C-alpha atoms as a PDB file:
ATOM      1  CA  MET A   1     199.278-159.135 185.359  1.00  0.00           C
ATOM      2  CA  LYS A   2     199.763-156.814 182.369  1.00  0.00           C
ATOM      3  CA  VAL A   3     203.126-155.771 180.904  1.00  0.00           C
ATOM      4  CA  ILE A   4     203.265-153.096 178.206  1.00  0.00           C
ATOM      5  CA  ALA A   5     206.239-152.395 175.945  1.00  0.00           C
ATOM      6  CA  ILE A   6     206.561-149.071 174.139  1.00  0.00           C
ATOM      7  CA  ASN A   7     208.599-149.119 170.939  1.00  0.00           C
ATOM      8  CA  GLY A   8     209.971-145.614 170.455  1.00  0.00           C
ATOM      9  CA  SER A   9     211.748-146.410 167.197  1.00  0.00           C
ATOM     10  CA  PRO A  10     210.206-145.351 163.877  1.00  0.00           C
ATOM     11  CA  ARG A  11     211.012-148.888 162.676  1.00  0.00           C
ATOM     12  CA  ARG A  12     208.443-151.479 163.724  1.00  0.00           C
ATOM     13  CA  ARG A  13     210.423-154.626 162.936  1.00  0.00           C
ATOM     14  CA  TRP A  14     214.098-153.890 163.580  1.00  0.00           C
ATOM     15  CA  ASN A  15     216.423-153.864 166.585  1.00  0.00           C
ATOM     16  CA  THR A  16     214.455-151.915 169.177  1.00  0.00           C
ATOM     17  CA  ALA A  17     211.116-153.467 168.284  1.00  0.00           C
ATOM     18  CA  GLN A  18     212.606-156.973 168.335  1.00  0.00           C
ATOM     19  CA  LEU A  19     214.180-156.443 171.756  1.00  0.00           C
ATOM     20  CA  CYS A  20     210.903-155.069 173.127  1.00  0.00           C
ATOM     21  CA  GLN A  21     209.109-158.119 171.737  1.00  0.00           C
ATOM     22  CA  ALA A  22     211.701-160.419 173.319  1.00  0.00           C
ATOM     23  CA  ALA A  23     211.155-158.725 176.680  1.00  0.00           C
ATOM     24  CA  LEU A  24     207.427-159.333 176.302  1.00  0.00           C
ATOM     25  CA  GLU A  25     208.091-162.986 175.461  1.00  0.00           C
ATOM     26  CA  GLY A  26     209.945-163.292 178.752  1.00  0.00           C
ATOM     27  CA  ALA A  27     207.096-161.587 180.581  1.00  0.00           C
ATOM     28  CA  ALA A  28     204.527-163.845 178.904  1.00  0.00           C
ATOM     29  CA  ALA A  29     206.534-166.933 179.852  1.00  0.00           C
ATOM     30  CA  ALA A  30     206.389-165.684 183.450  1.00  0.00           C
ATOM     31  CA  GLY A  31     202.596-165.542 183.234  1.00  0.00           C
ATOM     32  CA  ALA A  32     201.862-161.972 182.159  1.00  0.00           C
ATOM     33  CA  GLU A  33     199.494-160.629 179.540  1.00  0.00           C
ATOM     34  CA  THR A  34     201.495-158.422 177.178  1.00  0.00           C
ATOM     35  CA  GLU A  35     201.085-155.688 174.575  1.00  0.00           C
ATOM     36  CA  LEU A  36     203.557-153.990 172.238  1.00  0.00           C
ATOM     37  CA  ILE A  37     202.734-150.398 171.254  1.00  0.00           C
ATOM     38  CA  HIS A  38     204.520-148.506 168.465  1.00  0.00           C
ATOM     39  CA  LEU A  39     204.681-144.760 169.087  1.00  0.00           C
ATOM     40  CA  GLU A  40     205.247-144.027 165.412  1.00  0.00           C
ATOM     41  CA  THR A  41     201.666-145.074 164.621  1.00  0.00           C
ATOM     42  CA  MET A  42     200.283-142.122 166.617  1.00  0.00           C
ATOM     43  CA  LYS A  43     200.145-138.360 166.223  1.00  0.00           C
ATOM     44  CA  PHE A  44     200.892-136.681 169.540  1.00  0.00           C
ATOM     45  CA  LYS A  45     202.851-133.915 171.208  1.00  0.00           C
ATOM     46  CA  GLY A  46     205.074-133.592 174.229  1.00  0.00           C
ATOM     47  CA  CYS A  47     204.050-131.754 177.381  1.00  0.00           C
ATOM     48  CA  MET A  48     201.971-128.660 176.517  1.00  0.00           C
ATOM     49  CA  SER A  49     202.806-126.861 179.792  1.00  0.00           C
ATOM     50  CA  CYS A  50     199.097-126.411 180.503  1.00  0.00           C
ATOM     51  CA  TYR A  51     199.724-127.470 184.138  1.00  0.00           C
ATOM     52  CA  ALA A  52     196.201-128.884 184.385  1.00  0.00           C
ATOM     53  CA  CYS A  53     197.605-131.960 186.136  1.00  0.00           C
ATOM     54  CA  HIS A  54     199.150-129.686 188.783  1.00  0.00           C
ATOM     55  CA  SER A  55     196.138-127.433 189.287  1.00  0.00           C
ATOM     56  CA  LYS A  56     194.318-127.807 192.595  1.00  0.00           C
ATOM     57  CA  LYS A  57     191.029-128.625 190.851  1.00  0.00           C
ATOM     58  CA  LYS A  58     192.503-131.486 188.813  1.00  0.00           C
ATOM     59  CA  TYR A  59     195.282-132.490 191.191  1.00  0.00           C
ATOM     60  CA  ASP A  60     194.103-136.098 191.575  1.00  0.00           C
ATOM     61  CA  THR A  61     194.532-136.865 187.870  1.00  0.00           C
ATOM     62  CA  LYS A  62     197.400-139.242 187.052  1.00  0.00           C
ATOM     63  CA  VAL A  63     197.065-139.106 183.258  1.00  0.00           C
ATOM     64  CA  CYS A  64     197.923-136.134 181.064  1.00  0.00           C
ATOM     65  CA  TYR A  65     194.900-133.874 180.737  1.00  0.00           C
ATOM     66  CA  TYR A  66     195.661-133.024 177.097  1.00  0.00           C
ATOM     67  CA  LYS A  67     193.793-135.411 174.789  1.00  0.00           C
ATOM     68  CA  ASP A  68     195.278-136.779 171.570  1.00  0.00           C
ATOM     69  CA  GLU A  69     196.189-140.143 170.051  1.00  0.00           C
ATOM     70  CA  LEU A  70     198.604-140.862 172.921  1.00  0.00           C
ATOM     71  CA  THR A  71     195.916-140.681 175.625  1.00  0.00           C
ATOM     72  CA  GLU A  72     194.816-144.320 175.375  1.00  0.00           C
ATOM     73  CA  THR A  73     198.419-145.507 175.682  1.00  0.00           C
ATOM     74  CA  LEU A  74     199.015-143.300 178.730  1.00  0.00           C
ATOM     75  CA  ASN A  75     195.937-144.781 180.403  1.00  0.00           C
ATOM     76  CA  LYS A  76     197.154-148.291 179.641  1.00  0.00           C
ATOM     77  CA  CYS A  77     200.564-147.535 181.159  1.00  0.00           C
ATOM     78  CA  ILE A  78     199.124-146.179 184.410  1.00  0.00           C
ATOM     79  CA  GLU A  79     196.921-149.276 184.692  1.00  0.00           C
ATOM     80  CA  ALA A  80     199.723-151.715 183.781  1.00  0.00           C
ATOM     81  CA  ASP A  81     201.771-153.794 186.218  1.00  0.00           C
ATOM     82  CA  ALA A  82     205.070-153.145 184.418  1.00  0.00           C
ATOM     83  CA  ILE A  83     206.253-150.858 181.599  1.00  0.00           C
ATOM     84  CA  ILE A  84     209.115-151.358 179.129  1.00  0.00           C
ATOM     85  CA  ILE A  85     210.299-148.451 176.975  1.00  0.00           C
ATOM     86  CA  GLY A  86     212.542-149.159 173.997  1.00  0.00           C
ATOM     87  CA  THR A  87     214.397-146.539 171.996  1.00  0.00           C
ATOM     88  CA  PRO A  88     217.329-146.211 169.623  1.00  0.00           C
ATOM     89  CA  ILE A  89     219.885-143.590 170.587  1.00  0.00           C
ATOM     90  CA  TYR A  90     219.976-140.499 168.374  1.00  0.00           C
ATOM     91  CA  TYR A  91     222.906-138.196 169.121  1.00  0.00           C
ATOM     92  CA  GLY A  92     223.160-139.459 172.675  1.00  0.00           C
ATOM     93  CA  PHE A  93     219.456-139.203 173.489  1.00  0.00           C
ATOM     94  CA  ALA A  94     216.227-141.181 173.239  1.00  0.00           C
ATOM     95  CA  THR A  95     214.118-140.440 170.158  1.00  0.00           C
ATOM     96  CA  GLY A  96     211.909-137.375 170.111  1.00  0.00           C
ATOM     97  CA  ASP A  97     208.824-139.594 170.327  1.00  0.00           C
ATOM     98  CA  VAL A  98     210.130-141.270 173.477  1.00  0.00           C
ATOM     99  CA  ARG A  99     211.010-137.954 175.104  1.00  0.00           C
ATOM    100  CA  ALA A 100     207.521-136.614 174.329  1.00  0.00           C
ATOM    101  CA  PHE A 101     205.921-139.818 175.625  1.00  0.00           C
ATOM    102  CA  MET A 102     207.930-139.762 178.858  1.00  0.00           C
ATOM    103  CA  GLU A 103     207.058-136.114 179.513  1.00  0.00           C
ATOM    104  CA  ARG A 104     203.372-136.897 179.141  1.00  0.00           C
ATOM    105  CA  LEU A 105     203.641-140.082 181.214  1.00  0.00           C
ATOM    106  CA  MET A 106     205.649-138.746 184.146  1.00  0.00           C
ATOM    107  CA  PHE A 107     204.625-135.128 184.695  1.00  0.00           C
ATOM    108  CA  PRO A 108     201.004-135.870 185.761  1.00  0.00           C
ATOM    109  CA  ILE A 109     202.166-138.225 188.529  1.00  0.00           C
ATOM    110  CA  ASP A 110     204.969-135.955 189.683  1.00  0.00           C
ATOM    111  CA  THR A 111     204.352-133.018 192.029  1.00  0.00           C
ATOM    112  CA  TYR A 112     205.703-129.613 192.861  1.00  0.00           C
ATOM    113  CA  GLU A 113     205.061-130.412 196.515  1.00  0.00           C
ATOM    114  CA  VAL A 114     207.276-131.038 199.534  1.00  0.00           C
ATOM    115  CA  ASP A 115     206.010-132.564 202.774  1.00  0.00           C
ATOM    116  CA  SER A 116     206.835-131.545 206.330  1.00  0.00           C
ATOM    117  CA  GLU A 117     209.862-133.866 206.396  1.00  0.00           C
ATOM    118  CA  GLY A 118     211.353-132.514 203.174  1.00  0.00           C
ATOM    119  CA  TYR A 119     210.247-135.391 200.943  1.00  0.00           C
ATOM    120  CA  ARG A 120     208.831-134.861 197.466  1.00  0.00           C
ATOM    121  CA  PRO A 121     205.613-136.904 197.120  1.00  0.00           C
ATOM    122  CA  ILE A 122     204.452-138.760 194.000  1.00  0.00           C
ATOM    123  CA  LYS A 123     200.766-139.084 193.098  1.00  0.00           C
ATOM    124  CA  LEU A 124     201.068-142.729 192.069  1.00  0.00           C
ATOM    125  CA  ASP A 125     200.068-144.833 195.043  1.00  0.00           C
ATOM    126  CA  ARG A 126     201.564-148.106 193.813  1.00  0.00           C
ATOM    127  CA  ILE A 127     204.823-149.338 192.318  1.00  0.00           C
ATOM    128  CA  ILE A 128     204.960-150.113 188.596  1.00  0.00           C
ATOM    129  CA  PRO A 129     208.350-151.661 187.691  1.00  0.00           C
ATOM    130  CA  THR A 130     209.851-150.103 184.567  1.00  0.00           C
ATOM    131  CA  ALA A 131     212.768-150.736 182.218  1.00  0.00           C
ATOM    132  CA  MET A 132     214.507-148.893 179.393  1.00  0.00           C
ATOM    133  CA  ILE A 133     215.921-150.797 176.404  1.00  0.00           C
ATOM    134  CA  TYR A 134     218.459-148.865 174.341  1.00  0.00           C
ATOM    135  CA  THR A 135     219.872-149.766 170.921  1.00  0.00           C
ATOM    136  CA  MET A 136     222.698-147.890 169.225  1.00  0.00           C
ATOM    137  CA  ASN A 137     225.368-147.924 166.536  1.00  0.00           C
ATOM    138  CA  ALA A 138     228.040-146.934 169.061  1.00  0.00           C
ATOM    139  CA  SER A 139     230.171-149.313 171.095  1.00  0.00           C
ATOM    140  CA  GLU A 140     230.043-149.251 174.879  1.00  0.00           C
ATOM    141  CA  PRO A 141     232.922-146.786 175.540  1.00  0.00           C
ATOM    142  CA  PHE A 142     231.116-144.022 173.626  1.00  0.00           C
ATOM    143  CA  LEU A 143     228.071-144.239 175.903  1.00  0.00           C
ATOM    144  CA  ARG A 144     229.861-144.327 179.246  1.00  0.00           C
ATOM    145  CA  GLY A 145     228.955-141.384 181.391  1.00  0.00           C
ATOM    146  CA  ASN A 146     225.864-140.487 179.357  1.00  0.00           C
ATOM    147  CA  THR A 147     223.996-138.582 182.044  1.00  0.00           C
ATOM    148  CA  ALA A 148     220.832-138.210 179.939  1.00  0.00           C
ATOM    149  CA  LEU A 149     220.291-141.971 179.819  1.00  0.00           C
ATOM    150  CA  ALA A 150     221.164-142.383 183.483  1.00  0.00           C
ATOM    151  CA  MET A 151     218.639-139.652 184.288  1.00  0.00           C
ATOM    152  CA  ASN A 152     215.887-141.583 182.497  1.00  0.00           C
ATOM    153  CA  GLU A 153     216.396-144.545 184.819  1.00  0.00           C
ATOM    154  CA  SER A 154     216.689-142.314 187.887  1.00  0.00           C
ATOM    155  CA  GLU A 155     213.459-140.455 187.158  1.00  0.00           C
ATOM    156  CA  LEU A 156     211.536-143.617 186.289  1.00  0.00           C
ATOM    157  CA  ARG A 157     212.696-145.149 189.554  1.00  0.00           C
ATOM    158  CA  ARG A 158     211.592-142.071 191.495  1.00  0.00           C
ATOM    159  CA  MET A 159     208.184-141.959 189.815  1.00  0.00           C
ATOM    160  CA  PHE A 160     207.319-145.634 189.491  1.00  0.00           C
ATOM    161  CA  GLY A 161     209.362-147.187 192.291  1.00  0.00           C
ATOM    162  CA  TYR A 162     211.679-149.437 190.255  1.00  0.00           C
ATOM    163  CA  SER A 163     213.654-149.162 187.021  1.00  0.00           C
ATOM    164  CA  GLU A 164     216.533-150.809 185.202  1.00  0.00           C
ATOM    165  CA  SER A 165     218.159-150.391 181.793  1.00  0.00           C
ATOM    166  CA  TYR A 166     219.484-152.655 179.056  1.00  0.00           C
ATOM    167  CA  TYR A 167     221.988-151.424 176.464  1.00  0.00           C
ATOM    168  CA  ALA A 168     222.383-153.156 173.094  1.00  0.00           C
ATOM    169  CA  TYR A 169     225.637-151.750 171.703  1.00  0.00           C
ATOM    170  CA  ASP A 170     227.066-151.669 168.193  1.00  0.00           C
ATOM    171  CA  THR A 171     223.913-152.931 166.513  1.00  0.00           C
ATOM    172  CA  CYS A 172     223.484-153.621 162.798  1.00  0.00           C
ATOM    173  CA  GLN A 173     221.517-150.735 161.325  1.00  0.00           C
ATOM    174  CA  PHE A 174     220.978-151.881 157.715  1.00  0.00           C
ATOM    175  CA  ASN A 175     220.215-155.167 155.999  1.00  0.00           C
ATOM    176  CA  ASN A 176     222.539-154.115 153.169  1.00  0.00           C
ATOM    177  CA  TYR A 177     225.237-151.542 153.946  1.00  0.00           C
ATOM    178  CA  ASP A 178     226.153-151.352 150.245  1.00  0.00           C
ATOM    179  CA  LEU A 179     223.027-149.280 149.652  1.00  0.00           C
ATOM    180  CA  TYR A 180     224.045-146.464 152.002  1.00  0.00           C
ATOM    181  CA  ALA A 181     226.800-143.869 152.284  1.00  0.00           C
ATOM    182  CA  ALA A 182     228.046-145.166 155.623  1.00  0.00           C
ATOM    183  CA  ASN A 183     231.760-145.994 155.467  1.00  0.00           C
ATOM    184  CA  LEU A 184     231.991-144.935 159.106  1.00  0.00           C
ATOM    185  CA  PHE A 185     230.973-148.532 159.810  1.00  0.00           C
ATOM    186  CA  ASN A 186     232.560-151.837 158.860  1.00  0.00           C
ATOM    187  CA  ALA A 187     229.737-153.774 157.214  1.00  0.00           C
ATOM    188  CA  GLU A 188     231.232-157.224 157.832  1.00  0.00           C
ATOM    189  CA  HIS A 189     231.674-156.400 161.510  1.00  0.00           C
ATOM    190  CA  LYS A 190     228.060-155.246 161.718  1.00  0.00           C
ATOM    191  CA  TYR A 191     226.780-158.423 160.050  1.00  0.00           C
ATOM    192  CA  GLU A 192     228.830-160.506 162.460  1.00  0.00           C
ATOM    193  CA  ARG A 193     227.434-158.575 165.445  1.00  0.00           C
ATOM    194  CA  ARG A 194     223.935-159.211 164.125  1.00  0.00           C
ATOM    195  CA  GLU A 195     224.604-162.932 163.879  1.00  0.00           C
ATOM    196  CA  LYS A 196     226.493-163.466 167.138  1.00  0.00           C
ATOM    197  CA  GLN A 197     225.636-160.683 169.610  1.00  0.00           C
ATOM    198  CA  PHE A 198     222.048-159.826 168.797  1.00  0.00           C
ATOM    199  CA  PRO A 199     220.708-163.276 169.824  1.00  0.00           C
ATOM    200  CA  ILE A 200     222.403-162.674 173.182  1.00  0.00           C
ATOM    201  CA  ASP A 201     220.697-159.292 173.431  1.00  0.00           C
ATOM    202  CA  LEU A 202     217.359-160.936 172.662  1.00  0.00           C
ATOM    203  CA  GLU A 203     217.827-163.519 175.384  1.00  0.00           C
ATOM    204  CA  ASN A 204     218.935-160.881 177.887  1.00  0.00           C
ATOM    205  CA  CYS A 205     215.777-158.932 177.145  1.00  0.00           C
ATOM    206  CA  ARG A 206     213.637-162.040 177.641  1.00  0.00           C
ATOM    207  CA  GLN A 207     215.219-162.360 181.070  1.00  0.00           C
ATOM    208  CA  LEU A 208     214.549-158.671 181.692  1.00  0.00           C
ATOM    209  CA  GLY A 209     210.866-159.178 180.898  1.00  0.00           C
ATOM    210  CA  ALA A 210     210.618-162.132 183.255  1.00  0.00           C
ATOM    211  CA  ARG A 211     212.443-160.154 185.938  1.00  0.00           C
ATOM    212  CA  LEU A 212     209.964-157.277 185.673  1.00  0.00           C
ATOM    213  CA  VAL A 213     207.090-159.693 186.247  1.00  0.00           C
ATOM    214  CA  GLU A 214     208.784-160.887 189.435  1.00  0.00           C
ATOM    215  CA  LYS A 215     209.305-157.279 190.512  1.00  0.00           C
ATOM    216  CA  ALA A 216     205.629-156.573 189.805  1.00  0.00           C
ATOM    217  CA  LYS A 217     204.667-159.529 192.009  1.00  0.00           C
ATOM    218  CA  GLU A 218     206.893-158.131 194.746  1.00  0.00           C
ATOM    219  CA  ALA A 219     205.183-154.767 194.347  1.00  0.00           C
ATOM    220  CA  GLN A 220     201.756-156.367 194.676  1.00  0.00           C
ATOM    221  CA  ALA A 221     202.895-158.273 197.750  1.00  0.00           C
ATOM    222  CA  GLY A 222     204.235-155.093 199.327  1.00  0.00           C
ATOM    223  CA  THR A 223     207.824-156.327 199.506  1.00  0.00           C
ATOM    224  CA  LEU A 224     209.155-153.905 196.885  1.00  0.00           C
ATOM    225  CA  VAL A 225     209.597-150.524 198.541  1.00  0.00           C
ATOM    226  CA  ARG A 226     209.705-147.163 196.787  1.00  0.00           C
ATOM    227  CA  GLU A 227     212.809-145.098 197.465  1.00  0.00           C
ATOM    228  CA  ARG A 228     211.658-141.676 198.657  1.00  0.00           C
ATOM    229  CA  LEU A 229     213.448-138.522 197.550  1.00  0.00           C
ATOM    230  CA  ARG A 230     214.333-136.199 200.372  1.00  0.00           C
ATOM    231  CA  LEU A 231     215.215-132.782 199.078  1.00  0.00           C
ATOM    232  CA  PRO A 232     218.510-131.374 200.420  1.00  0.00           C
ATOM    233  CA  GLU A 233     218.189-128.595 202.967  1.00  0.00           C
ATOM    234  CA  GLU A 234     220.370-126.392 200.751  1.00  0.00           C
ATOM    235  CA  PHE A 235     217.856-126.776 197.906  1.00  0.00           C
ATOM    236  CA  LEU A 236     214.902-125.923 200.167  1.00  0.00           C
ATOM    237  CA  LYS A 237     216.732-122.802 201.336  1.00  0.00           C
ATOM    238  CA  GLU A 238     217.667-121.821 197.794  1.00  0.00           C
ATOM    239  CA  MET A 239     214.011-122.148 196.737  1.00  0.00           C
ATOM    240  CA  HIS A 240     212.958-120.047 199.782  1.00  0.00           C
ATOM    241  CA  ILE A 241     210.881-122.882 201.182  1.00  0.00           C
ATOM    242  CA  ILE A 242     212.618-122.804 204.570  1.00  0.00           C
END
């Protein structure tokens, strides 16, 4: 059983990285082998729109055909039993590195196909439970209704068969707020959140990691079922498929 966590923050030792590590601790305690990968250590690009993974000659490939420093990580993810993706929120979105990584991870296992019953097939023939871990300066009300983050979970669930998300709100961004022009934030409040709330976030992520291992065991046993996406008839008509 292998669980991989992807740290999409440029900081290797702060909030996002620590929560990813906590999730891996929970997975390890549940019996999994674990690995933490930092995207910022690699030079890579997002999807190149080469469409090699959708060509008929290379259709069976499940890993991005474009080769760069991300390729090894993509192979590890497809071979893993569970995947955790951590990212801080920048202007309401995951980091650019995470977006590029997710494009390269998901597009090769997705299809532009529709079967005779109107379902959109996925190339991946097994379920790999996934989770997103988000950290942010903002408090919970500012993130409500963020469709971009909800879409991440929805697409991961469609591709990999299972996904959930954890949100760490109002995190402490600096060790010393006096060094930065940041009077938008109350430093004492941030220090207090770091002391009181962040340990709770860490423990919740440990539980998340353990939960993913259980979901992976369910997937291996065949008791975790992928939700299939049936395309609406209106969409099929609009695309001139029927």
